[in-house]
Amino acid sequence: MNGQNRKDIYPGLEVGIILKKDQRSGVITYGVVQNLLTSSAFHSRGIKVRLEDGQIGRVAEIVED
């Protein structure tokens, strides 16, 4: 699953995000969603979230259990 649909993402979910500073390189940072920052139902580059450690980025992938 990709992170473009808001309905697929919720607090407590483990995701991989791309931080603003890593957009060129595409480095993915993993963590757990604290809250969602994008209010629209869909975003082409990924829903923006804040991780529990405070980092903010767009969801690149959802980690499956």
PDB file of N, CA and C in Angstrom:
ATOM      1  N   MET A   1       0.842  -1.189   0.000  1.00  0.00           N
ATOM      2  CA  MET A   1       0.000   0.000   0.000  1.00  0.00           C
ATOM      3  C   MET A   1       0.879   1.241   0.000  1.00  0.00           C
ATOM      4  N   ASN A   2       0.433   2.227  -0.724  1.00  0.00           N
ATOM      5  CA  ASN A   2       1.135   3.503  -0.678  1.00  0.00           C
ATOM      6  C   ASN A   2       0.414   4.409   0.319  1.00  0.00           C
ATOM      7  N   GLY A   3       0.960   5.581   0.570  1.00  0.00           N
ATOM      8  CA  GLY A   3       0.385   6.462   1.577  1.00  0.00           C
ATOM      9  C   GLY A   3      -0.366   7.640   1.001  1.00  0.00           C
ATOM     10  N   GLN A   4      -1.074   7.433  -0.115  1.00  0.00           N
ATOM     11  CA  GLN A   4      -1.763   8.544  -0.764  1.00  0.00           C
ATOM     12  C   GLN A   4      -3.197   8.745  -0.281  1.00  0.00           C
ATOM     13  N   ASN A   5      -3.801   7.732   0.324  1.00  0.00           N
ATOM     14  CA  ASN A   5      -5.186   7.832   0.795  1.00  0.00           C
ATOM     15  C   ASN A   5      -5.221   7.993   2.310  1.00  0.00           C
ATOM     16  N   ARG A   6      -5.880   9.065   2.759  1.00  0.00           N
ATOM     17  CA  ARG A   6      -5.950   9.371   4.187  1.00  0.00           C
ATOM     18  C   ARG A   6      -6.647   8.261   4.974  1.00  0.00           C
ATOM     19  N   LYS A   7      -7.626   7.594   4.357  1.00  0.00           N
ATOM     20  CA  LYS A   7      -8.396   6.559   5.056  1.00  0.00           C
ATOM     21  C   LYS A   7      -7.544   5.349   5.437  1.00  0.00           C
ATOM     22  N   ASP A   8      -6.394   5.171   4.792  1.00  0.00           N
ATOM     23  CA  ASP A   8      -5.519   4.031   5.071  1.00  0.00           C
ATOM     24  C   ASP A   8      -4.546   4.289   6.225  1.00  0.00           C
ATOM     25  N   ILE A   9      -4.486   5.532   6.699  1.00  0.00           N
ATOM     26  CA  ILE A   9      -3.469   5.924   7.678  1.00  0.00           C
ATOM     27  C   ILE A   9      -4.149   6.386   8.962  1.00  0.00           C
ATOM     28  N   TYR A  10      -3.629   5.948  10.100  1.00  0.00           N
ATOM     29  CA  TYR A  10      -4.210   6.303  11.391  1.00  0.00           C
ATOM     30  C   TYR A  10      -3.108   6.281  12.455  1.00  0.00           C
ATOM     31  N   PRO A  11      -3.321   6.988  13.577  1.00  0.00           N
ATOM     32  CA  PRO A  11      -2.328   6.986  14.656  1.00  0.00           C
ATOM     33  C   PRO A  11      -2.050   5.568  15.147  1.00  0.00           C
ATOM     34  N   GLY A  12      -0.768   5.278  15.389  1.00  0.00           N
ATOM     35  CA  GLY A  12      -0.364   3.956  15.853  1.00  0.00           C
ATOM     36  C   GLY A  12       0.114   3.043  14.730  1.00  0.00           C
ATOM     37  N   LEU A  13      -0.104   3.458  13.478  1.00  0.00           N
ATOM     38  CA  LEU A  13       0.304   2.654  12.325  1.00  0.00           C
ATOM     39  C   LEU A  13       1.790   2.850  12.050  1.00  0.00           C
ATOM     40  N   GLU A  14       2.495   1.760  11.740  1.00  0.00           N
ATOM     41  CA  GLU A  14       3.911   1.850  11.394  1.00  0.00           C
ATOM     42  C   GLU A  14       4.036   2.146   9.909  1.00  0.00           C
ATOM     43  N   VAL A  15       4.785   3.219   9.594  1.00  0.00           N
ATOM     44  CA  VAL A  15       4.917   3.668   8.207  1.00  0.00           C
ATOM     45  C   VAL A  15       6.360   4.032   7.893  1.00  0.00           C
ATOM     46  N   GLY A  16       6.617   4.182   6.603  1.00  0.00           N
ATOM     47  CA  GLY A  16       7.871   4.735   6.124  1.00  0.00           C
ATOM     48  C   GLY A  16       7.575   6.075   5.500  1.00  0.00           C
ATOM     49  N   ILE A  17       8.284   7.112   5.944  1.00  0.00           N
ATOM     50  CA  ILE A  17       8.051   8.450   5.407  1.00  0.00           C
ATOM     51  C   ILE A  17       9.312   8.986   4.739  1.00  0.00           C
ATOM     52  N   ILE A  18       9.112   9.969   3.881  1.00  0.00           N
ATOM     53  CA  ILE A  18      10.224  10.701   3.288  1.00  0.00           C
ATOM     54  C   ILE A  18      10.220  12.095   3.895  1.00  0.00           C
ATOM     55  N   LEU A  19      11.289  12.421   4.601  1.00  0.00           N
ATOM     56  CA  LEU A  19      11.427  13.737   5.207  1.00  0.00           C
ATOM     57  C   LEU A  19      11.714  14.771   4.121  1.00  0.00           C
ATOM     58  N   LYS A  20      11.423  16.032   4.398  1.00  0.00           N
ATOM     59  CA  LYS A  20      11.650  17.118   3.435  1.00  0.00           C
ATOM     60  C   LYS A  20      13.108  17.115   2.956  1.00  0.00           C
ATOM     61  N   LYS A  21      14.043  16.949   3.892  1.00  0.00           N
ATOM     62  CA  LYS A  21      15.463  16.977   3.522  1.00  0.00           C
ATOM     63  C   LYS A  21      15.885  15.781   2.670  1.00  0.00           C
ATOM     64  N   ASP A  22      15.076  14.706   2.670  1.00  0.00           N
ATOM     65  CA  ASP A  22      15.412  13.494   1.927  1.00  0.00           C
ATOM     66  C   ASP A  22      14.641  13.342   0.621  1.00  0.00           C
ATOM     67  N   GLN A  23      13.895  14.371   0.210  1.00  0.00           N
ATOM     68  CA  GLN A  23      13.078  14.240  -0.991  1.00  0.00           C
ATOM     69  C   GLN A  23      13.899  13.953  -2.244  1.00  0.00           C
ATOM     70  N   ARG A  24      15.077  14.541  -2.352  1.00  0.00           N
ATOM     71  CA  ARG A  24      15.915  14.294  -3.536  1.00  0.00           C
ATOM     72  C   ARG A  24      16.485  12.884  -3.542  1.00  0.00           C
ATOM     73  N   SER A  25      16.959  12.423  -2.378  1.00  0.00           N
ATOM     74  CA  SER A  25      17.605  11.112  -2.303  1.00  0.00           C
ATOM     75  C   SER A  25      16.596   9.969  -2.167  1.00  0.00           C
ATOM     76  N   GLY A  26      15.404  10.268  -1.634  1.00  0.00           N
ATOM     77  CA  GLY A  26      14.388   9.227  -1.464  1.00  0.00           C
ATOM     78  C   GLY A  26      14.606   8.321  -0.276  1.00  0.00           C
ATOM     79  N   VAL A  27      15.448   8.760   0.673  1.00  0.00           N
ATOM     80  CA  VAL A  27      15.701   7.964   1.870  1.00  0.00           C
ATOM     81  C   VAL A  27      14.422   7.874   2.696  1.00  0.00           C
ATOM     82  N   ILE A  28      14.073   6.659   3.121  1.00  0.00           N
ATOM     83  CA  ILE A  28      12.843   6.439   3.879  1.00  0.00           C
ATOM     84  C   ILE A  28      13.171   6.287   5.360  1.00  0.00           C
ATOM     85  N   THR A  29      12.419   7.000   6.194  1.00  0.00           N
ATOM     86  CA  THR A  29      12.546   6.946   7.651  1.00  0.00           C
ATOM     87  C   THR A  29      11.329   6.209   8.185  1.00  0.00           C
ATOM     88  N   TYR A  30      11.555   5.231   9.059  1.00  0.00           N
ATOM     89  CA  TYR A  30      10.448   4.433   9.588  1.00  0.00           C
ATOM     90  C   TYR A  30      10.073   4.876  10.993  1.00  0.00           C
ATOM     91  N   GLY A  31       8.778   4.780  11.282  1.00  0.00           N
ATOM     92  CA  GLY A  31       8.300   5.137  12.606  1.00  0.00           C
ATOM     93  C   GLY A  31       6.808   4.893  12.721  1.00  0.00           C
ATOM     94  N   VAL A  32       6.255   5.332  13.855  1.00  0.00           N
ATOM     95  CA  VAL A  32       4.838   5.135  14.151  1.00  0.00           C
ATOM     96  C   VAL A  32       4.124   6.478  14.094  1.00  0.00           C
ATOM     97  N   VAL A  33       2.979   6.513  13.420  1.00  0.00           N
ATOM     98  CA  VAL A  33       2.220   7.747  13.234  1.00  0.00           C
ATOM     99  C   VAL A  33       1.672   8.239  14.576  1.00  0.00           C
ATOM    100  N   GLN A  34       1.929   9.527  14.857  1.00  0.00           N
ATOM    101  CA  GLN A  34       1.335  10.166  16.034  1.00  0.00           C
ATOM    102  C   GLN A  34       0.044  10.865  15.623  1.00  0.00           C
ATOM    103  N   ASN A  35       0.126  11.681  14.545  1.00  0.00           N
ATOM    104  CA  ASN A  35      -1.094  12.298  14.010  1.00  0.00           C
ATOM    105  C   ASN A  35      -0.923  12.659  12.544  1.00  0.00           C
ATOM    106  N   LEU A  36      -2.070  12.867  11.869  1.00  0.00           N
ATOM    107  CA  LEU A  36      -2.091  13.196  10.452  1.00  0.00           C
ATOM    108  C   LEU A  36      -2.142  14.709  10.296  1.00  0.00           C
ATOM    109  N   LEU A  37      -1.367  15.230   9.345  1.00  0.00           N
ATOM    110  CA  LEU A  37      -1.310  16.669   9.134  1.00  0.00           C
ATOM    111  C   LEU A  37      -2.012  17.098   7.851  1.00  0.00           C
ATOM    112  N   THR A  38      -2.238  16.170   6.919  1.00  0.00           N
ATOM    113  CA  THR A  38      -2.954  16.465   5.684  1.00  0.00           C
ATOM    114  C   THR A  38      -4.446  16.255   5.931  1.00  0.00           C
ATOM    115  N   SER A  39      -5.255  17.272   5.575  1.00  0.00           N
ATOM    116  CA  SER A  39      -6.698  17.155   5.831  1.00  0.00           C
ATOM    117  C   SER A  39      -7.465  16.588   4.644  1.00  0.00           C
ATOM    118  N   SER A  40      -6.887  16.646   3.441  1.00  0.00           N
ATOM    119  CA  SER A  40      -7.600  16.136   2.268  1.00  0.00           C
ATOM    120  C   SER A  40      -7.602  14.604   2.250  1.00  0.00           C
ATOM    121  N   ALA A  41      -8.569  14.015   1.559  1.00  0.00           N
ATOM    122  CA  ALA A  41      -8.723  12.563   1.518  1.00  0.00           C
ATOM    123  C   ALA A  41      -7.627  11.881   0.695  1.00  0.00           C
ATOM    124  N   PHE A  42      -7.023  12.616  -0.256  1.00  0.00           N
ATOM    125  CA  PHE A  42      -6.008  12.048  -1.148  1.00  0.00           C
ATOM    126  C   PHE A  42      -4.927  13.088  -1.396  1.00  0.00           C
ATOM    127  N   HIS A  43      -3.673  12.646  -1.456  1.00  0.00           N
ATOM    128  CA  HIS A  43      -2.581  13.537  -1.850  1.00  0.00           C
ATOM    129  C   HIS A  43      -1.622  12.740  -2.721  1.00  0.00           C
ATOM    130  N   SER A  44      -1.313  13.277  -3.893  1.00  0.00           N
ATOM    131  CA  SER A  44      -0.521  12.541  -4.890  1.00  0.00           C
ATOM    132  C   SER A  44       0.892  12.202  -4.408  1.00  0.00           C
ATOM    133  N   ARG A  45       1.474  13.014  -3.533  1.00  0.00           N
ATOM    134  CA  ARG A  45       2.830  12.745  -3.052  1.00  0.00           C
ATOM    135  C   ARG A  45       2.854  12.067  -1.691  1.00  0.00           C
ATOM    136  N   GLY A  46       1.676  11.774  -1.142  1.00  0.00           N
ATOM    137  CA  GLY A  46       1.611  11.082   0.151  1.00  0.00           C
ATOM    138  C   GLY A  46       1.034  11.977   1.228  1.00  0.00           C
ATOM    139  N   ILE A  47       0.323  11.370   2.144  1.00  0.00           N
ATOM    140  CA  ILE A  47      -0.279  12.084   3.269  1.00  0.00           C
ATOM    141  C   ILE A  47       0.829  12.500   4.236  1.00  0.00           C
ATOM    142  N   LYS A  48       0.800  13.755   4.673  1.00  0.00           N
ATOM    143  CA  LYS A  48       1.816  14.246   5.603  1.00  0.00           C
ATOM    144  C   LYS A  48       1.421  13.856   7.024  1.00  0.00           C
ATOM    145  N   VAL A  49       2.405  13.294   7.757  1.00  0.00           N
ATOM    146  CA  VAL A  49       2.158  12.841   9.129  1.00  0.00           C
ATOM    147  C   VAL A  49       3.296  13.283  10.046  1.00  0.00           C
ATOM    148  N   ARG A  50       2.998  13.269  11.347  1.00  0.00           N
ATOM    149  CA  ARG A  50       4.021  13.459  12.377  1.00  0.00           C
ATOM    150  C   ARG A  50       4.218  12.108  13.053  1.00  0.00           C
ATOM    151  N   LEU A  51       5.472  11.686  13.147  1.00  0.00           N
ATOM    152  CA  LEU A  51       5.782  10.431  13.829  1.00  0.00           C
ATOM    153  C   LEU A  51       5.854  10.665  15.330  1.00  0.00           C
ATOM    154  N   GLU A  52       5.824   9.581  16.108  1.00  0.00           N
ATOM    155  CA  GLU A  52       5.881   9.687  17.561  1.00  0.00           C
ATOM    156  C   GLU A  52       7.160  10.344  18.055  1.00  0.00           C
ATOM    157  N   ASP A  53       8.238  10.287  17.247  1.00  0.00           N
ATOM    158  CA  ASP A  53       9.493  10.940  17.654  1.00  0.00           C
ATOM    159  C   ASP A  53       9.565  12.400  17.202  1.00  0.00           C
ATOM    160  N   GLY A  54       8.475  12.910  16.593  1.00  0.00           N
ATOM    161  CA  GLY A  54       8.405  14.318  16.228  1.00  0.00           C
ATOM    162  C   GLY A  54       8.763  14.632  14.788  1.00  0.00           C
ATOM    163  N   GLN A  55       9.298  13.684  14.049  1.00  0.00           N
ATOM    164  CA  GLN A  55       9.667  13.930  12.656  1.00  0.00           C
ATOM    165  C   GLN A  55       8.414  14.030  11.788  1.00  0.00           C
ATOM    166  N   ILE A  56       8.480  14.919  10.784  1.00  0.00           N
ATOM    167  CA  ILE A  56       7.344  15.149   9.893  1.00  0.00           C
ATOM    168  C   ILE A  56       7.757  14.836   8.460  1.00  0.00           C
ATOM    169  N   GLY A  57       6.885  14.111   7.751  1.00  0.00           N
ATOM    170  CA  GLY A  57       7.156  13.789   6.355  1.00  0.00           C
ATOM    171  C   GLY A  57       5.932  13.190   5.697  1.00  0.00           C
ATOM    172  N   ARG A  58       6.072  12.873   4.417  1.00  0.00           N
ATOM    173  CA  ARG A  58       4.973  12.291   3.651  1.00  0.00           C
ATOM    174  C   ARG A  58       5.125  10.768   3.606  1.00  0.00           C
ATOM    175  N   VAL A  59       4.015  10.072   3.785  1.00  0.00           N
ATOM    176  CA  VAL A  59       4.022   8.611   3.826  1.00  0.00           C
ATOM    177  C   VAL A  59       4.398   8.058   2.448  1.00  0.00           C
ATOM    178  N   ALA A  60       5.457   7.257   2.418  1.00  0.00           N
ATOM    179  CA  ALA A  60       5.904   6.609   1.190  1.00  0.00           C
ATOM    180  C   ALA A  60       5.423   5.171   1.137  1.00  0.00           C
ATOM    181  N   GLU A  61       5.320   4.554   2.306  1.00  0.00           N
ATOM    182  CA  GLU A  61       4.850   3.167   2.364  1.00  0.00           C
ATOM    183  C   GLU A  61       4.263   2.868   3.727  1.00  0.00           C
ATOM    184  N   ILE A  62       3.361   1.897   3.739  1.00  0.00           N
ATOM    185  CA  ILE A  62       2.757   1.429   4.979  1.00  0.00           C
ATOM    186  C   ILE A  62       3.357   0.063   5.269  1.00  0.00           C
ATOM    187  N   VAL A  63       3.913  -0.093   6.464  1.00  0.00           N
ATOM    188  CA  VAL A  63       4.554  -1.351   6.854  1.00  0.00           C
ATOM    189  C   VAL A  63       3.474  -2.356   7.206  1.00  0.00           C
ATOM    190  N   GLU A  64       3.465  -3.469   6.495  1.00  0.00           N
ATOM    191  CA  GLU A  64       2.469  -4.525   6.730  1.00  0.00           C
ATOM    192  C   GLU A  64       2.918  -5.401   7.892  1.00  0.00           C
ATOM    193  N   ASP A  65       1.978  -5.852   8.695  1.00  0.00           N
ATOM    194  CA  ASP A  65       2.300  -6.739   9.819  1.00  0.00           C
ATOM    195  C   ASP A  65       2.528  -8.158   9.326  1.00  0.00           C
TER     196      ASP A  65
END
